[in-house]
Amino acid sequence: MSEEGWHWDPSLYAGSAGYYTRGRMPYPEVLAEALATALSLDGSGRLLDVGCGPGSLTLLLADRFEQVVGIDADQGMIDEACRLAAEDGIRNARWVRLRAEELPAELGSFTVATFAQSFHWMDRPRVAATVRGMLSTGGACVHVHATTHQGVRSTSALPHPQPPHSAITELVRKYLGPVRRAGQGSLPSGTVGNEAAIYRAAGFTGPCRIEVPGRVVTRVSADVVAAVFSLSSSAPHLFGRARAEFEAELRQLLSNANPSGVFSEQAREIAVDIWRL
């Protein structure tokens, strides 16, 4: 993928995997139930989760398939996914360190392929076309639109204060500069969109959209710190020798916002587009 001169490199999420697990709000079980209904999942078939990270969606859906395969370009993410699967006693998951552009990689055919907060990092036309060819007859490609590192501004009363996200953004900029970082490069305009046109050009039809409402989540300061380090734009390695100083200032910022260290987040709704062959 290239956007305004940016190119993917292996450091995109370097050091973020462990933080990702704690800092990202988990996908709710109701998402798995909605997908099971929409796709008539019955415990058979195979799932390919492309850009799986630490298995956030893969593991949620594992009991809906005979086998799930998660691929990710970051070894740390794959290691974390393996750890979490073992911890949860999930035995039907396979993890492969692999860039999406290297598919099909002799992985076989799949009933469902998923992209959850990952498609924008890839050579999208190439990957979409390849994944389409890996789906069995009647298969589907699922694109999950979600924001899990932080919630949205709530106008309703919440049990605890919301994290000071604007102040956190300014603190990151103080250390890393005003232009969004991404691996060894930067993304001044953010990541790309308009994925619908990409899927259609690859031969998919649809989409059929399902939505899962947001929910209120309780988080502590350590969760918020982890969420910051889970982002490609503020991955641990980007801070270099100033990382400890940044984290100390971030923790002080959170303590000033709420000395108890407990926060509430209004999670954004999750939209899922299902594309068919």
Protein backbone atom coordinates (compact mmCIF):
# COMPACT_ATOMS: atom_id res chain seq x y z
CA MET A 1 0.00 0.00 0.00
CA SER A 2 1.18 3.49 -0.76
CA GLU A 3 -0.67 6.62 0.30
CA GLU A 4 0.98 10.01 -0.08
CA GLY A 5 4.40 8.35 -0.17
CA TRP A 6 3.79 6.02 2.78
CA HIS A 7 4.85 2.38 2.50
CA TRP A 8 4.25 -0.46 4.95
CA ASP A 9 7.24 -1.62 6.96
CA PRO A 10 7.67 -4.25 9.70
CA SER A 11 7.87 -1.69 12.50
CA LEU A 12 4.25 -0.56 12.06
CA TYR A 13 3.08 -2.24 15.27
CA ALA A 14 6.45 -3.14 16.76
CA GLY A 15 6.13 -3.64 20.50
CA SER A 16 2.36 -3.05 20.53
CA ALA A 17 1.00 -6.59 20.78
CA GLY A 18 0.82 -6.91 24.57
CA TYR A 19 -0.58 -3.42 24.89
CA TYR A 20 -3.16 -4.20 22.20
CA THR A 21 -4.63 -7.03 24.23
CA ARG A 22 -5.17 -4.84 27.29
CA GLY A 23 -5.75 -1.48 25.67
CA ARG A 24 -8.33 -2.37 23.04
CA MET A 25 -11.95 -2.82 24.10
CA PRO A 26 -12.89 -6.42 23.22
CA TYR A 27 -15.44 -7.21 20.54
CA PRO A 28 -18.68 -8.13 22.32
CA GLU A 29 -20.20 -11.61 22.20
CA VAL A 30 -23.26 -10.11 20.54
CA LEU A 31 -21.07 -9.47 17.47
CA ALA A 32 -20.31 -13.19 17.20
CA GLU A 33 -24.01 -13.98 17.58
CA ALA A 34 -24.98 -11.49 14.87
CA LEU A 35 -22.41 -12.93 12.46
CA ALA A 36 -23.45 -16.49 13.26
CA THR A 37 -27.03 -15.62 12.37
CA ALA A 38 -26.20 -13.63 9.24
CA LEU A 39 -23.78 -16.25 7.89
CA SER A 40 -25.59 -19.38 9.19
CA LEU A 41 -22.49 -20.49 11.07
CA ASP A 42 -22.89 -23.97 12.55
CA GLY A 43 -19.41 -24.96 13.72
CA SER A 44 -18.27 -26.23 10.34
CA GLY A 45 -16.16 -24.55 7.68
CA ARG A 46 -12.99 -22.49 7.97
CA LEU A 47 -12.37 -18.84 8.84
CA LEU A 48 -9.48 -16.74 7.53
CA ASP A 49 -8.88 -13.61 9.61
CA VAL A 50 -6.63 -11.30 7.60
CA GLY A 51 -4.57 -8.94 9.73
CA CYS A 52 -5.71 -10.72 12.87
CA GLY A 53 -3.56 -8.85 15.39
CA PRO A 54 -3.59 -10.80 18.68
CA GLY A 55 -6.68 -12.70 17.57
CA SER A 56 -9.28 -10.24 18.88
CA LEU A 57 -11.92 -11.37 16.37
CA THR A 58 -10.44 -14.76 15.48
CA LEU A 59 -10.77 -16.10 19.01
CA LEU A 60 -14.26 -14.66 19.43
CA LEU A 61 -15.42 -16.64 16.39
CA ALA A 62 -13.35 -19.80 16.97
CA ASP A 63 -16.23 -21.90 18.28
CA ARG A 64 -18.33 -21.05 15.22
CA PHE A 65 -15.97 -22.87 12.82
CA GLU A 66 -14.16 -26.17 12.51
CA GLN A 67 -10.91 -24.25 12.09
CA VAL A 68 -9.86 -20.61 12.25
CA VAL A 69 -6.65 -19.26 10.70
CA GLY A 70 -5.28 -15.88 11.68
CA ILE A 71 -2.54 -14.21 9.68
CA ASP A 72 -0.61 -11.08 10.61
CA ALA A 73 2.62 -9.48 9.49
CA ASP A 74 3.78 -8.74 13.04
CA GLN A 75 5.43 -11.61 14.91
CA GLY A 76 4.54 -10.05 18.26
CA MET A 77 0.87 -10.14 17.35
CA ILE A 78 1.12 -13.80 16.30
CA ASP A 79 2.91 -14.71 19.53
CA GLU A 80 0.24 -12.94 21.58
CA ALA A 81 -2.54 -14.69 19.65
CA CYS A 82 -0.90 -18.06 20.34
CA ARG A 83 -0.64 -17.23 24.03
CA LEU A 84 -4.26 -16.14 24.32
CA ALA A 85 -5.54 -19.18 22.43
CA ALA A 86 -3.62 -21.50 24.75
CA GLU A 87 -4.83 -19.57 27.79
CA ASP A 88 -8.45 -19.97 26.65
CA GLY A 89 -8.02 -23.63 25.67
CA ILE A 90 -8.82 -22.95 22.02
CA ARG A 91 -7.39 -25.80 19.95
CA ASN A 92 -8.82 -25.17 16.48
CA ALA A 93 -6.83 -22.01 15.78
CA ARG A 94 -3.77 -21.73 13.57
CA TRP A 95 -1.57 -18.64 13.47
CA VAL A 96 0.71 -17.67 10.60
CA ARG A 97 3.08 -14.75 10.36
CA LEU A 98 2.29 -13.55 6.87
CA ARG A 99 1.62 -10.35 5.01
CA ALA A 100 -1.78 -10.32 3.34
CA GLU A 101 -0.03 -9.64 0.05
CA GLU A 102 1.61 -13.07 0.33
CA LEU A 103 -1.70 -14.91 0.21
CA PRO A 104 -2.89 -17.52 -0.77
CA ALA A 105 0.27 -19.11 0.67
CA GLU A 106 -1.17 -22.61 0.26
CA LEU A 107 -3.60 -22.07 3.14
CA GLY A 108 -6.49 -23.68 1.29
CA SER A 109 -10.08 -22.55 0.86
CA PHE A 110 -12.29 -20.84 3.41
CA THR A 111 -15.97 -20.36 4.14
CA VAL A 112 -15.52 -16.84 5.53
CA ALA A 113 -12.73 -14.25 5.42
CA THR A 114 -12.66 -11.31 7.81
CA PHE A 115 -10.93 -7.94 7.89
CA ALA A 116 -11.30 -6.20 11.26
CA GLN A 117 -9.54 -2.82 11.44
CA SER A 118 -6.87 -4.14 9.09
CA PHE A 119 -7.83 -3.71 5.41
CA HIS A 120 -6.52 -0.13 5.18
CA TRP A 121 -2.93 -1.28 5.81
CA MET A 122 -2.86 -3.54 2.75
CA ASP A 123 -2.58 -3.42 -1.03
CA ARG A 124 -6.35 -3.56 -1.04
CA PRO A 125 -7.15 -4.39 -4.70
CA ARG A 126 -4.58 -7.18 -4.73
CA VAL A 127 -5.61 -8.65 -1.37
CA ALA A 128 -9.35 -8.43 -2.06
CA ALA A 129 -8.96 -10.25 -5.37
CA THR A 130 -6.77 -12.94 -3.82
CA VAL A 131 -9.10 -13.51 -0.88
CA ARG A 132 -12.07 -13.79 -3.22
CA GLY A 133 -10.28 -16.64 -4.96
CA MET A 134 -9.73 -18.39 -1.62
CA LEU A 135 -13.43 -18.48 -0.70
CA SER A 136 -15.44 -21.62 -1.32
CA THR A 137 -18.77 -21.56 -3.14
CA GLY A 138 -21.27 -19.57 -1.12
CA GLY A 139 -18.51 -17.98 0.93
CA ALA A 140 -18.46 -14.44 2.29
CA CYS A 141 -16.00 -11.68 3.10
CA VAL A 142 -16.71 -9.70 6.27
CA HIS A 143 -15.43 -6.17 6.84
CA VAL A 144 -15.70 -4.96 10.44
CA HIS A 145 -15.88 -1.21 10.98
CA ALA A 146 -14.96 -0.54 14.61
CA THR A 147 -12.98 1.73 16.90
CA THR A 148 -11.73 -0.16 19.91
CA HIS A 149 -8.87 1.94 21.32
CA GLN A 150 -11.20 4.62 22.66
CA GLY A 151 -14.87 5.50 22.93
CA VAL A 152 -16.88 8.39 21.60
CA ARG A 153 -17.92 11.51 23.44
CA SER A 154 -21.03 10.76 25.48
CA THR A 155 -23.67 13.33 26.31
CA SER A 156 -25.31 10.95 28.78
CA ALA A 157 -24.29 10.53 32.39
CA LEU A 158 -21.63 7.87 32.84
CA PRO A 159 -20.58 6.09 36.04
CA HIS A 160 -17.07 7.59 35.87
CA PRO A 161 -15.32 10.43 34.02
CA GLN A 162 -14.31 9.84 30.43
CA PRO A 163 -10.58 9.67 29.66
CA PRO A 164 -9.12 13.03 28.54
CA HIS A 165 -8.58 11.94 24.93
CA SER A 166 -7.95 15.42 23.54
CA ALA A 167 -5.23 16.05 26.11
CA ILE A 168 -3.72 12.62 25.37
CA THR A 169 -3.60 13.45 21.66
CA GLU A 170 -1.80 16.70 22.41
CA LEU A 171 0.67 14.90 24.65
CA VAL A 172 1.49 12.42 21.87
CA ARG A 173 2.01 15.33 19.48
CA LYS A 174 4.33 16.99 21.99
CA TYR A 175 6.64 13.96 21.77
CA LEU A 176 6.10 12.74 18.19
CA GLY A 177 5.14 15.89 16.32
CA PRO A 178 1.88 17.03 14.70
CA VAL A 179 1.94 14.62 11.74
CA ARG A 180 0.54 11.14 12.30
CA ARG A 181 3.29 8.53 12.47
CA ALA A 182 3.03 5.04 10.97
CA GLY A 183 6.02 2.75 11.13
CA GLN A 184 9.03 4.48 9.61
CA GLY A 185 6.80 6.89 7.70
CA SER A 186 3.85 9.15 8.29
CA LEU A 187 0.24 9.51 7.20
CA PRO A 188 -0.65 13.22 7.13
CA SER A 189 -4.16 12.50 5.83
CA GLY A 190 -4.78 9.31 7.80
CA THR A 191 -5.52 5.88 6.38
CA VAL A 192 -7.43 5.28 3.16
CA GLY A 193 -11.17 4.63 2.86
CA ASN A 194 -13.72 3.84 0.14
CA GLU A 195 -13.28 0.11 0.57
CA ALA A 196 -16.67 -0.59 -1.01
CA ALA A 197 -15.32 0.27 -4.46
CA ILE A 198 -12.36 -2.06 -3.86
CA TYR A 199 -14.59 -5.01 -2.96
CA ARG A 200 -16.86 -4.47 -5.95
CA ALA A 201 -13.91 -4.19 -8.32
CA ALA A 202 -12.65 -7.52 -6.95
CA GLY A 203 -15.94 -9.19 -7.87
CA PHE A 204 -17.86 -9.10 -4.60
CA THR A 205 -21.53 -8.13 -4.40
CA GLY A 206 -23.30 -6.32 -1.60
CA PRO A 207 -22.82 -5.35 1.04
CA CYS A 208 -25.38 -6.54 3.53
CA ARG A 209 -24.80 -4.45 6.65
CA ILE A 210 -25.48 -5.43 10.23
CA GLU A 211 -24.89 -3.16 13.22
CA VAL A 212 -24.10 -3.86 16.85
CA PRO A 213 -24.88 -1.03 19.26
CA GLY A 214 -22.19 0.53 21.43
CA ARG A 215 -21.96 -0.09 25.14
CA VAL A 216 -20.50 1.58 28.21
CA VAL A 217 -17.14 0.12 29.27
CA THR A 218 -15.24 0.72 32.51
CA ARG A 219 -11.49 1.19 32.14
CA VAL A 220 -8.63 1.97 34.49
CA SER A 221 -5.60 4.15 33.82
CA ALA A 222 -3.43 1.19 32.82
CA ASP A 223 -5.98 0.27 30.13
CA VAL A 224 -5.85 3.79 28.70
CA VAL A 225 -2.04 3.80 28.70
CA ALA A 226 -2.06 0.44 26.91
CA ALA A 227 -4.54 1.79 24.36
CA VAL A 228 -2.15 4.60 23.45
CA PHE A 229 0.76 2.17 22.94
CA SER A 230 -1.51 -0.15 20.93
CA LEU A 231 -1.77 2.39 18.11
CA SER A 232 0.49 2.43 15.07
CA SER A 233 0.66 6.22 15.48
CA SER A 234 2.04 5.95 19.02
CA ALA A 235 3.67 2.51 19.07
CA PRO A 236 6.29 2.16 21.83
CA HIS A 237 9.31 2.24 19.53
CA LEU A 238 8.38 5.66 18.14
CA PHE A 239 9.25 7.36 21.44
CA GLY A 240 12.78 6.02 21.55
CA ARG A 241 14.63 7.03 24.72
CA ALA A 242 11.76 9.33 25.72
CA ARG A 243 9.31 6.46 26.13
CA ALA A 244 9.53 6.26 29.95
CA GLU A 245 9.24 10.02 30.24
CA PHE A 246 6.19 10.04 27.97
CA GLU A 247 4.50 7.24 29.91
CA ALA A 248 5.12 8.99 33.23
CA GLU A 249 3.60 12.19 31.88
CA LEU A 250 0.65 10.25 30.45
CA ARG A 251 -0.03 8.54 33.77
CA GLN A 252 0.15 11.90 35.57
CA LEU A 253 -2.31 13.34 33.05
CA LEU A 254 -4.75 10.53 33.79
CA SER A 255 -4.28 10.94 37.54
CA ASN A 256 -5.05 14.63 37.25
CA ALA A 257 -8.19 13.82 35.25
CA ASN A 258 -9.42 11.37 37.87
CA PRO A 259 -7.32 10.47 40.93
CA SER A 260 -9.21 7.19 41.36
CA GLY A 261 -7.88 6.04 37.99
CA VAL A 262 -11.27 4.68 36.90
CA PHE A 263 -12.89 5.89 33.69
CA SER A 264 -15.98 5.17 31.61
CA GLU A 265 -16.03 4.89 27.83
CA GLN A 266 -19.02 4.94 25.51
CA ALA A 267 -17.90 2.42 22.91
CA ARG A 268 -18.76 3.22 19.32
CA GLU A 269 -21.29 1.05 17.51
CA ILE A 270 -19.83 -1.69 15.31
CA ALA A 271 -20.90 -1.89 11.68
CA VAL A 272 -20.25 -5.06 9.68
CA ASP A 273 -20.40 -5.28 5.89
CA ILE A 274 -20.90 -8.76 4.46
CA TRP A 275 -19.75 -9.17 0.87
CA ARG A 276 -20.75 -12.22 -1.16
CA LEU A 277 -19.21 -13.93 -4.16
